[in-house]
C-alpha cells in the first residue's frame, strides 16, 4: 500500500505521524502521479480523493472515487481479499 498527496512534505509528515500510518506516503507536490491517474486539480491545489487497487503485475483492478473516509479501508480490504483469495487458496 502506498498513499499519495499533493500537500507539502511537512504537512504529509505531520499527517503520517498524527495518524500513525504504517505505509509510505508519497509527496506528489508536482502533480506527476495524480495527473497520471487522472485526479490532478492543480488549479485548485488538490487532487480528487481516489483509491486505486492495483495488483502485483500492475493491472488496475478497482477504482473508488468520491467516497467517505469512514469505512473505506474496510471496503478496499474486502475487495482485495475477494480478488486474491482464490489465488492464495489455490497456491
PDB file of N, CA and C in Angstrom:
ATOM      1  N   UNK A   1       0.847  -1.162   0.000  1.00  0.00           N
ATOM      2  CA  UNK A   1       0.000   0.000   0.000  1.00  0.00           C
ATOM      3  C   UNK A   1       0.896   1.228   0.000  1.00  0.00           C
ATOM      4  N   UNK A   2       0.504   2.194  -0.814  1.00  0.00           N
ATOM      5  CA  UNK A   2       1.190   3.477  -0.880  1.00  0.00           C
ATOM      6  C   UNK A   2       0.133   4.563  -0.904  1.00  0.00           C
ATOM      7  N   UNK A   3       0.332   5.594  -0.118  1.00  0.00           N
ATOM      8  CA  UNK A   3      -0.534   6.764  -0.158  1.00  0.00           C
ATOM      9  C   UNK A   3       0.148   7.860  -0.958  1.00  0.00           C
ATOM     10  N   UNK A   4      -0.627   8.756  -1.508  1.00  0.00           N
ATOM     11  CA  UNK A   4      -0.062   9.895  -2.237  1.00  0.00           C
ATOM     12  C   UNK A   4      -0.889  11.130  -1.925  1.00  0.00           C
ATOM     13  N   UNK A   5      -0.195  12.252  -1.808  1.00  0.00           N
ATOM     14  CA  UNK A   5      -0.860  13.512  -1.520  1.00  0.00           C
ATOM     15  C   UNK A   5      -0.102  14.634  -2.203  1.00  0.00           C
ATOM     16  N   UNK A   6      -0.838  15.642  -2.652  1.00  0.00           N
ATOM     17  CA  UNK A   6      -0.206  16.808  -3.267  1.00  0.00           C
ATOM     18  C   UNK A   6       0.161  17.860  -2.228  1.00  0.00           C
ATOM     19  N   UNK A   7      -0.091  17.580  -0.972  1.00  0.00           N
ATOM     20  CA  UNK A   7       0.255  18.508   0.102  1.00  0.00           C
ATOM     21  C   UNK A   7       1.778  18.600   0.249  1.00  0.00           C
ATOM     22  N   UNK A   8       2.259  19.681   0.835  1.00  0.00           N
ATOM     23  CA  UNK A   8       3.703  19.833   1.055  1.00  0.00           C
ATOM     24  C   UNK A   8       4.269  18.732   1.952  1.00  0.00           C
ATOM     25  N   UNK A   9       5.556  18.510   1.836  1.00  0.00           N
ATOM     26  CA  UNK A   9       6.233  17.449   2.582  1.00  0.00           C
ATOM     27  C   UNK A   9       5.979  17.554   4.081  1.00  0.00           C
ATOM     28  N   UNK A  10       6.094  18.746   4.640  1.00  0.00           N
ATOM     29  CA  UNK A  10       5.900  18.920   6.093  1.00  0.00           C
ATOM     30  C   UNK A  10       4.471  18.544   6.505  1.00  0.00           C
ATOM     31  N   UNK A  11       3.493  18.914   5.703  1.00  0.00           N
ATOM     32  CA  UNK A  11       2.097  18.581   6.014  1.00  0.00           C
ATOM     33  C   UNK A  11       1.873  17.071   5.929  1.00  0.00           C
ATOM     34  N   UNK A  12       2.481  16.427   4.932  1.00  0.00           N
ATOM     35  CA  UNK A  12       2.343  14.971   4.810  1.00  0.00           C
ATOM     36  C   UNK A  12       3.020  14.254   5.967  1.00  0.00           C
ATOM     37  N   UNK A  13       4.179  14.744   6.383  1.00  0.00           N
ATOM     38  CA  UNK A  13       4.880  14.137   7.517  1.00  0.00           C
ATOM     39  C   UNK A  13       4.043  14.244   8.790  1.00  0.00           C
ATOM     40  N   UNK A  14       3.431  15.395   8.996  1.00  0.00           N
ATOM     41  CA  UNK A  14       2.576  15.588  10.167  1.00  0.00           C
ATOM     42  C   UNK A  14       1.354  14.679  10.106  1.00  0.00           C
ATOM     43  N   UNK A  15       0.738  14.578   8.938  1.00  0.00           N
ATOM     44  CA  UNK A  15      -0.428  13.707   8.747  1.00  0.00           C
ATOM     45  C   UNK A  15      -0.048  12.255   9.042  1.00  0.00           C
ATOM     46  N   UNK A  16       1.071  11.799   8.487  1.00  0.00           N
ATOM     47  CA  UNK A  16       1.517  10.422   8.699  1.00  0.00           C
ATOM     48  C   UNK A  16       1.784  10.153  10.172  1.00  0.00           C
ATOM     49  N   UNK A  17       2.375  11.118  10.845  1.00  0.00           N
ATOM     50  CA  UNK A  17       2.668  10.984  12.278  1.00  0.00           C
ATOM     51  C   UNK A  17       1.372  10.985  13.095  1.00  0.00           C
ATOM     52  N   UNK A  18       0.472  11.931  12.811  1.00  0.00           N
ATOM     53  CA  UNK A  18      -0.774  12.046  13.567  1.00  0.00           C
ATOM     54  C   UNK A  18      -1.645  10.797  13.454  1.00  0.00           C
ATOM     55  N   UNK A  19      -1.648  10.188  12.265  1.00  0.00           N
ATOM     56  CA  UNK A  19      -2.497   9.017  12.035  1.00  0.00           C
ATOM     57  C   UNK A  19      -1.725   7.709  12.090  1.00  0.00           C
ATOM     58  N   UNK A  20      -0.467   7.792  12.509  1.00  0.00           N
ATOM     59  CA  UNK A  20       0.380   6.611  12.690  1.00  0.00           C
ATOM     60  C   UNK A  20       0.343   5.698  11.470  1.00  0.00           C
ATOM     61  N   UNK A  21       0.526   6.277  10.296  1.00  0.00           N
ATOM     62  CA  UNK A  21       0.497   5.493   9.062  1.00  0.00           C
ATOM     63  C   UNK A  21       1.633   4.480   9.068  1.00  0.00           C
ATOM     64  N   UNK A  22       1.320   3.289   8.619  1.00  0.00           N
ATOM     65  CA  UNK A  22       2.324   2.227   8.560  1.00  0.00           C
ATOM     66  C   UNK A  22       2.647   1.875   7.115  1.00  0.00           C
ATOM     67  N   UNK A  23       2.482   2.846   6.235  1.00  0.00           N
ATOM     68  CA  UNK A  23       2.811   2.665   4.825  1.00  0.00           C
ATOM     69  C   UNK A  23       3.393   3.977   4.298  1.00  0.00           C
ATOM     70  N   UNK A  24       4.121   3.914   3.187  1.00  0.00           N
ATOM     71  CA  UNK A  24       4.731   5.135   2.650  1.00  0.00           C
ATOM     72  C   UNK A  24       3.678   6.124   2.163  1.00  0.00           C
ATOM     73  N   UNK A  25       3.965   7.395   2.335  1.00  0.00           N
ATOM     74  CA  UNK A  25       3.102   8.464   1.843  1.00  0.00           C
ATOM     75  C   UNK A  25       3.929   9.301   0.861  1.00  0.00           C
ATOM     76  N   UNK A  26       3.613   9.160  -0.406  1.00  0.00           N
ATOM     77  CA  UNK A  26       4.330   9.853  -1.468  1.00  0.00           C
ATOM     78  C   UNK A  26       3.913  11.311  -1.519  1.00  0.00           C
ATOM     79  N   UNK A  27       4.872  12.201  -1.612  1.00  0.00           N
ATOM     80  CA  UNK A  27       4.594  13.634  -1.738  1.00  0.00           C
ATOM     81  C   UNK A  27       4.589  13.993  -3.220  1.00  0.00           C
ATOM     82  N   UNK A  28       3.430  14.167  -3.767  1.00  0.00           N
ATOM     83  CA  UNK A  28       3.240  14.441  -5.196  1.00  0.00           C
ATOM     84  C   UNK A  28       3.019  15.934  -5.412  1.00  0.00           C
ATOM     85  N   UNK A  29       3.944  16.746  -4.921  1.00  0.00           N
ATOM     86  CA  UNK A  29       3.754  18.191  -4.969  1.00  0.00           C
ATOM     87  C   UNK A  29       3.790  18.766  -6.383  1.00  0.00           C
ATOM     88  N   UNK A  30       4.340  18.015  -7.337  1.00  0.00           N
ATOM     89  CA  UNK A  30       4.354  18.495  -8.725  1.00  0.00           C
ATOM     90  C   UNK A  30       3.234  17.873  -9.571  1.00  0.00           C
ATOM     91  N   UNK A  31       2.342  17.113  -8.935  1.00  0.00           N
ATOM     92  CA  UNK A  31       1.154  16.524  -9.570  1.00  0.00           C
ATOM     93  C   UNK A  31       1.480  15.473 -10.633  1.00  0.00           C
ATOM     94  N   UNK A  32       2.679  14.918 -10.622  1.00  0.00           N
ATOM     95  CA  UNK A  32       3.053  13.908 -11.604  1.00  0.00           C
ATOM     96  C   UNK A  32       2.198  12.648 -11.472  1.00  0.00           C
ATOM     97  N   UNK A  33       2.107  12.127 -10.260  1.00  0.00           N
ATOM     98  CA  UNK A  33       1.349  10.895 -10.024  1.00  0.00           C
ATOM     99  C   UNK A  33      -0.145  11.149 -10.169  1.00  0.00           C
ATOM    100  N   UNK A  34      -0.645  12.219  -9.570  1.00  0.00           N
ATOM    101  CA  UNK A  34      -2.086  12.492  -9.648  1.00  0.00           C
ATOM    102  C   UNK A  34      -2.523  12.754 -11.088  1.00  0.00           C
ATOM    103  N   UNK A  35      -1.674  13.375 -11.898  1.00  0.00           N
ATOM    104  CA  UNK A  35      -2.001  13.587 -13.311  1.00  0.00           C
ATOM    105  C   UNK A  35      -2.040  12.254 -14.052  1.00  0.00           C
ATOM    106  N   UNK A  36      -1.101  11.369 -13.756  1.00  0.00           N
ATOM    107  CA  UNK A  36      -1.059  10.057 -14.406  1.00  0.00           C
ATOM    108  C   UNK A  36      -2.321   9.248 -14.113  1.00  0.00           C
ATOM    109  N   UNK A  37      -2.893   9.446 -12.930  1.00  0.00           N
ATOM    110  CA  UNK A  37      -4.106   8.720 -12.552  1.00  0.00           C
ATOM    111  C   UNK A  37      -5.384   9.508 -12.846  1.00  0.00           C
ATOM    112  N   UNK A  38      -5.244  10.670 -13.448  1.00  0.00           N
ATOM    113  CA  UNK A  38      -6.413  11.450 -13.854  1.00  0.00           C
ATOM    114  C   UNK A  38      -7.156  12.132 -12.727  1.00  0.00           C
ATOM    115  N   UNK A  39      -6.462  12.432 -11.641  1.00  0.00           N
ATOM    116  CA  UNK A  39      -7.140  13.045 -10.494  1.00  0.00           C
ATOM    117  C   UNK A  39      -6.558  14.401 -10.103  1.00  0.00           C
ATOM    118  N   UNK A  40      -5.599  14.893 -10.868  1.00  0.00           N
ATOM    119  CA  UNK A  40      -4.940  16.162 -10.541  1.00  0.00           C
ATOM    120  C   UNK A  40      -5.892  17.335 -10.736  1.00  0.00           C
ATOM    121  N   UNK A  41      -5.818  18.259  -9.810  1.00  0.00           N
ATOM    122  CA  UNK A  41      -6.566  19.525  -9.908  1.00  0.00           C
ATOM    123  C   UNK A  41      -5.635  20.654  -9.476  1.00  0.00           C
ATOM    124  N   UNK A  42      -4.534  20.852 -10.207  1.00  0.00           N
ATOM    125  CA  UNK A  42      -3.527  21.821  -9.772  1.00  0.00           C
ATOM    126  C   UNK A  42      -4.028  23.260  -9.707  1.00  0.00           C
ATOM    127  N   UNK A  43      -5.007  23.607 -10.502  1.00  0.00           N
ATOM    128  CA  UNK A  43      -5.530  24.976 -10.459  1.00  0.00           C
ATOM    129  C   UNK A  43      -6.207  25.268  -9.121  1.00  0.00           C
ATOM    130  N   UNK A  44      -6.694  24.212  -8.462  1.00  0.00           N
ATOM    131  CA  UNK A  44      -7.358  24.349  -7.168  1.00  0.00           C
ATOM    132  C   UNK A  44      -6.397  23.984  -6.029  1.00  0.00           C
ATOM    133  N   UNK A  45      -5.280  23.337  -6.375  1.00  0.00           N
ATOM    134  CA  UNK A  45      -4.294  22.955  -5.374  1.00  0.00           C
ATOM    135  C   UNK A  45      -4.573  21.643  -4.683  1.00  0.00           C
ATOM    136  N   UNK A  46      -5.359  20.787  -5.323  1.00  0.00           N
ATOM    137  CA  UNK A  46      -5.694  19.497  -4.733  1.00  0.00           C
ATOM    138  C   UNK A  46      -5.690  18.407  -5.805  1.00  0.00           C
ATOM    139  N   UNK A  47      -5.893  17.197  -5.358  1.00  0.00           N
ATOM    140  CA  UNK A  47      -6.172  16.065  -6.234  1.00  0.00           C
ATOM    141  C   UNK A  47      -7.486  15.461  -5.739  1.00  0.00           C
ATOM    142  N   UNK A  48      -8.263  14.897  -6.649  1.00  0.00           N
ATOM    143  CA  UNK A  48      -9.522  14.262  -6.244  1.00  0.00           C
ATOM    144  C   UNK A  48      -9.198  13.032  -5.406  1.00  0.00           C
ATOM    145  N   UNK A  49      -9.854  12.900  -4.260  1.00  0.00           N
ATOM    146  CA  UNK A  49      -9.619  11.741  -3.392  1.00  0.00           C
ATOM    147  C   UNK A  49     -10.087  10.491  -4.119  1.00  0.00           C
ATOM    148  N   UNK A  50      -9.173   9.594  -4.310  1.00  0.00           N
ATOM    149  CA  UNK A  50      -9.455   8.356  -5.045  1.00  0.00           C
ATOM    150  C   UNK A  50      -8.605   7.236  -4.483  1.00  0.00           C
ATOM    151  N   UNK A  51      -9.067   6.010  -4.672  1.00  0.00           N
ATOM    152  CA  UNK A  51      -8.301   4.832  -4.302  1.00  0.00           C
ATOM    153  C   UNK A  51      -8.229   3.931  -5.522  1.00  0.00           C
ATOM    154  N   UNK A  52      -7.034   3.423  -5.785  1.00  0.00           N
ATOM    155  CA  UNK A  52      -6.803   2.536  -6.914  1.00  0.00           C
ATOM    156  C   UNK A  52      -6.244   1.229  -6.375  1.00  0.00           C
ATOM    157  N   UNK A  53      -6.908   0.126  -6.682  1.00  0.00           N
ATOM    158  CA  UNK A  53      -6.439  -1.194  -6.280  1.00  0.00           C
ATOM    159  C   UNK A  53      -5.714  -1.784  -7.486  1.00  0.00           C
ATOM    160  N   UNK A  54      -4.406  -1.939  -7.343  1.00  0.00           N
ATOM    161  CA  UNK A  54      -3.546  -2.383  -8.435  1.00  0.00           C
ATOM    162  C   UNK A  54      -2.853  -3.660  -7.991  1.00  0.00           C
ATOM    163  N   UNK A  55      -2.878  -4.683  -8.849  1.00  0.00           N
ATOM    164  CA  UNK A  55      -2.249  -5.937  -8.441  1.00  0.00           C
ATOM    165  C   UNK A  55      -0.750  -5.919  -8.720  1.00  0.00           C
ATOM    166  N   UNK A  56      -0.076  -7.005  -8.357  1.00  0.00           N
ATOM    167  CA  UNK A  56       1.383  -7.063  -8.421  1.00  0.00           C
ATOM    168  C   UNK A  56       1.929  -6.909  -9.838  1.00  0.00           C
ATOM    169  N   UNK A  57       1.162  -7.276 -10.852  1.00  0.00           N
ATOM    170  CA  UNK A  57       1.659  -7.121 -12.224  1.00  0.00           C
ATOM    171  C   UNK A  57       1.260  -5.781 -12.846  1.00  0.00           C
ATOM    172  N   UNK A  58       0.664  -4.884 -12.033  1.00  0.00           N
ATOM    173  CA  UNK A  58       0.335  -3.542 -12.497  1.00  0.00           C
ATOM    174  C   UNK A  58      -1.043  -3.386 -13.099  1.00  0.00           C
ATOM    175  N   UNK A  59      -1.877  -4.411 -13.008  1.00  0.00           N
ATOM    176  CA  UNK A  59      -3.236  -4.342 -13.544  1.00  0.00           C
ATOM    177  C   UNK A  59      -4.146  -3.592 -12.580  1.00  0.00           C
ATOM    178  N   UNK A  60      -4.820  -2.587 -13.087  1.00  0.00           N
ATOM    179  CA  UNK A  60      -5.787  -1.830 -12.285  1.00  0.00           C
ATOM    180  C   UNK A  60      -7.018  -2.702 -12.092  1.00  0.00           C
ATOM    181  N   UNK A  61      -7.321  -3.046 -10.847  1.00  0.00           N
ATOM    182  CA  UNK A  61      -8.416  -3.969 -10.552  1.00  0.00           C
ATOM    183  C   UNK A  61      -9.699  -3.274 -10.145  1.00  0.00           C
ATOM    184  N   UNK A  62      -9.594  -2.124  -9.455  1.00  0.00           N
ATOM    185  CA  UNK A  62     -10.800  -1.436  -8.996  1.00  0.00           C
ATOM    186  C   UNK A  62     -10.440   0.003  -8.657  1.00  0.00           C
ATOM    187  N   UNK A  63     -11.417   0.907  -8.843  1.00  0.00           N
ATOM    188  CA  UNK A  63     -11.224   2.328  -8.546  1.00  0.00           C
ATOM    189  C   UNK A  63     -12.390   2.815  -7.698  1.00  0.00           C
ATOM    190  N   UNK A  64     -12.081   3.589  -6.678  1.00  0.00           N
ATOM    191  CA  UNK A  64     -13.098   4.256  -5.857  1.00  0.00           C
ATOM    192  C   UNK A  64     -12.889   5.757  -6.000  1.00  0.00           C
ATOM    193  N   UNK A  65     -13.956   6.483  -6.237  1.00  0.00           N
ATOM    194  CA  UNK A  65     -13.910   7.943  -6.318  1.00  0.00           C
ATOM    195  C   UNK A  65     -15.088   8.495  -5.508  1.00  0.00           C
ATOM    196  N   UNK A  66     -14.873   9.631  -4.902  1.00  0.00           N
ATOM    197  CA  UNK A  66     -15.958  10.297  -4.186  1.00  0.00           C
ATOM    198  C   UNK A  66     -16.507   9.505  -3.016  1.00  0.00           C
ATOM    199  N   UNK A  67     -15.655   8.867  -2.280  1.00  0.00           N
ATOM    200  CA  UNK A  67     -16.087   8.037  -1.148  1.00  0.00           C
ATOM    201  C   UNK A  67     -15.966   8.795   0.166  1.00  0.00           C
ATOM    202  N   UNK A  68     -16.612   8.270   1.190  1.00  0.00           N
ATOM    203  CA  UNK A  68     -16.455   8.792   2.552  1.00  0.00           C
ATOM    204  C   UNK A  68     -15.334   8.008   3.219  1.00  0.00           C
ATOM    205  N   UNK A  69     -14.494   8.691   3.946  1.00  0.00           N
ATOM    206  CA  UNK A  69     -13.337   8.051   4.569  1.00  0.00           C
ATOM    207  C   UNK A  69     -13.747   6.953   5.557  1.00  0.00           C
ATOM    208  N   UNK A  70     -14.821   7.201   6.319  1.00  0.00           N
ATOM    209  CA  UNK A  70     -15.238   6.226   7.332  1.00  0.00           C
ATOM    210  C   UNK A  70     -15.684   4.932   6.646  1.00  0.00           C
ATOM    211  N   UNK A  71     -15.029   3.852   6.989  1.00  0.00           N
ATOM    212  CA  UNK A  71     -15.379   2.549   6.438  1.00  0.00           C
ATOM    213  C   UNK A  71     -14.720   2.228   5.109  1.00  0.00           C
ATOM    214  N   UNK A  72     -14.029   3.203   4.527  1.00  0.00           N
ATOM    215  CA  UNK A  72     -13.451   2.979   3.207  1.00  0.00           C
ATOM    216  C   UNK A  72     -12.336   1.928   3.226  1.00  0.00           C
ATOM    217  N   UNK A  73     -11.486   1.966   4.225  1.00  0.00           N
ATOM    218  CA  UNK A  73     -10.400   0.985   4.304  1.00  0.00           C
ATOM    219  C   UNK A  73     -10.947  -0.435   4.333  1.00  0.00           C
ATOM    220  N   UNK A  74     -12.040  -0.645   5.034  1.00  0.00           N
ATOM    221  CA  UNK A  74     -12.657  -1.975   5.097  1.00  0.00           C
ATOM    222  C   UNK A  74     -13.181  -2.398   3.725  1.00  0.00           C
ATOM    223  N   UNK A  75     -13.728  -1.454   2.962  1.00  0.00           N
ATOM    224  CA  UNK A  75     -14.204  -1.758   1.610  1.00  0.00           C
ATOM    225  C   UNK A  75     -13.053  -2.180   0.704  1.00  0.00           C
ATOM    226  N   UNK A  76     -11.953  -1.465   0.790  1.00  0.00           N
ATOM    227  CA  UNK A  76     -10.791  -1.776  -0.041  1.00  0.00           C
ATOM    228  C   UNK A  76     -10.217  -3.135   0.351  1.00  0.00           C
ATOM    229  N   UNK A  77     -10.103  -3.396   1.639  1.00  0.00           N
ATOM    230  CA  UNK A  77      -9.590  -4.680   2.102  1.00  0.00           C
ATOM    231  C   UNK A  77     -10.485  -5.825   1.638  1.00  0.00           C
ATOM    232  N   UNK A  78     -11.789  -5.649   1.727  1.00  0.00           N
ATOM    233  CA  UNK A  78     -12.719  -6.689   1.272  1.00  0.00           C
ATOM    234  C   UNK A  78     -12.556  -6.954  -0.224  1.00  0.00           C
ATOM    235  N   UNK A  79     -12.407  -5.911  -1.007  1.00  0.00           N
ATOM    236  CA  UNK A  79     -12.215  -6.077  -2.454  1.00  0.00           C
ATOM    237  C   UNK A  79     -10.907  -6.793  -2.747  1.00  0.00           C
ATOM    238  N   UNK A  80      -9.856  -6.428  -2.026  1.00  0.00           N
ATOM    239  CA  UNK A  80      -8.563  -7.088  -2.219  1.00  0.00           C
ATOM    240  C   UNK A  80      -8.661  -8.566  -1.863  1.00  0.00           C
ATOM    241  N   UNK A  81      -9.323  -8.861  -0.773  1.00  0.00           N
ATOM    242  CA  UNK A  81      -9.491 -10.268  -0.378  1.00  0.00           C
ATOM    243  C   UNK A  81     -10.300 -11.038  -1.406  1.00  0.00           C
ATOM    244  N   UNK A  82     -11.318 -10.417  -1.960  1.00  0.00           N
ATOM    245  CA  UNK A  82     -12.151 -11.067  -2.980  1.00  0.00           C
ATOM    246  C   UNK A  82     -11.339 -11.374  -4.235  1.00  0.00           C
ATOM    247  N   UNK A  83     -10.483 -10.444  -4.606  1.00  0.00           N
ATOM    248  CA  UNK A  83      -9.666 -10.621  -5.812  1.00  0.00           C
ATOM    249  C   UNK A  83      -8.601 -11.688  -5.598  1.00  0.00           C
ATOM    250  N   UNK A  84      -7.914 -11.642  -4.463  1.00  0.00           N
ATOM    251  CA  UNK A  84      -6.773 -12.510  -4.261  1.00  0.00           C
ATOM    252  C   UNK A  84      -7.041 -13.773  -3.461  1.00  0.00           C
ATOM    253  N   UNK A  85      -8.193 -13.909  -2.859  1.00  0.00           N
ATOM    254  CA  UNK A  85      -8.497 -15.115  -2.070  1.00  0.00           C
ATOM    255  C   UNK A  85      -8.388 -16.380  -2.924  1.00  0.00           C
ATOM    256  N   UNK A  86      -8.973 -16.408  -4.127  1.00  0.00           N
ATOM    257  CA  UNK A  86      -8.849 -17.628  -4.934  1.00  0.00           C
ATOM    258  C   UNK A  86      -7.401 -17.973  -5.269  1.00  0.00           C
ATOM    259  N   UNK A  87      -6.562 -16.963  -5.448  1.00  0.00           N
ATOM    260  CA  UNK A  87      -5.157 -17.200  -5.771  1.00  0.00           C
ATOM    261  C   UNK A  87      -4.434 -17.820  -4.585  1.00  0.00           C
ATOM    262  N   UNK A  88      -4.650 -17.270  -3.405  1.00  0.00           N
ATOM    263  CA  UNK A  88      -3.952 -17.790  -2.234  1.00  0.00           C
ATOM    264  C   UNK A  88      -4.447 -19.176  -1.839  1.00  0.00           C
ATOM    265  N   UNK A  89      -5.711 -19.474  -2.065  1.00  0.00           N
ATOM    266  CA  UNK A  89      -6.235 -20.798  -1.734  1.00  0.00           C
ATOM    267  C   UNK A  89      -5.740 -21.850  -2.717  1.00  0.00           C
ATOM    268  N   UNK A  90      -5.569 -21.468  -3.974  1.00  0.00           N
ATOM    269  CA  UNK A  90      -5.138 -22.410  -4.985  1.00  0.00           C
ATOM    270  C   UNK A  90      -3.638 -22.690  -4.878  1.00  0.00           C
ATOM    271  N   UNK A  91      -2.871 -21.704  -4.356  1.00  0.00           N
ATOM    272  CA  UNK A  91      -1.402 -21.820  -4.329  1.00  0.00           C
ATOM    273  C   UNK A  91      -0.945 -22.628  -3.214  1.00  0.00           C
TER     274      UNK A  91
END
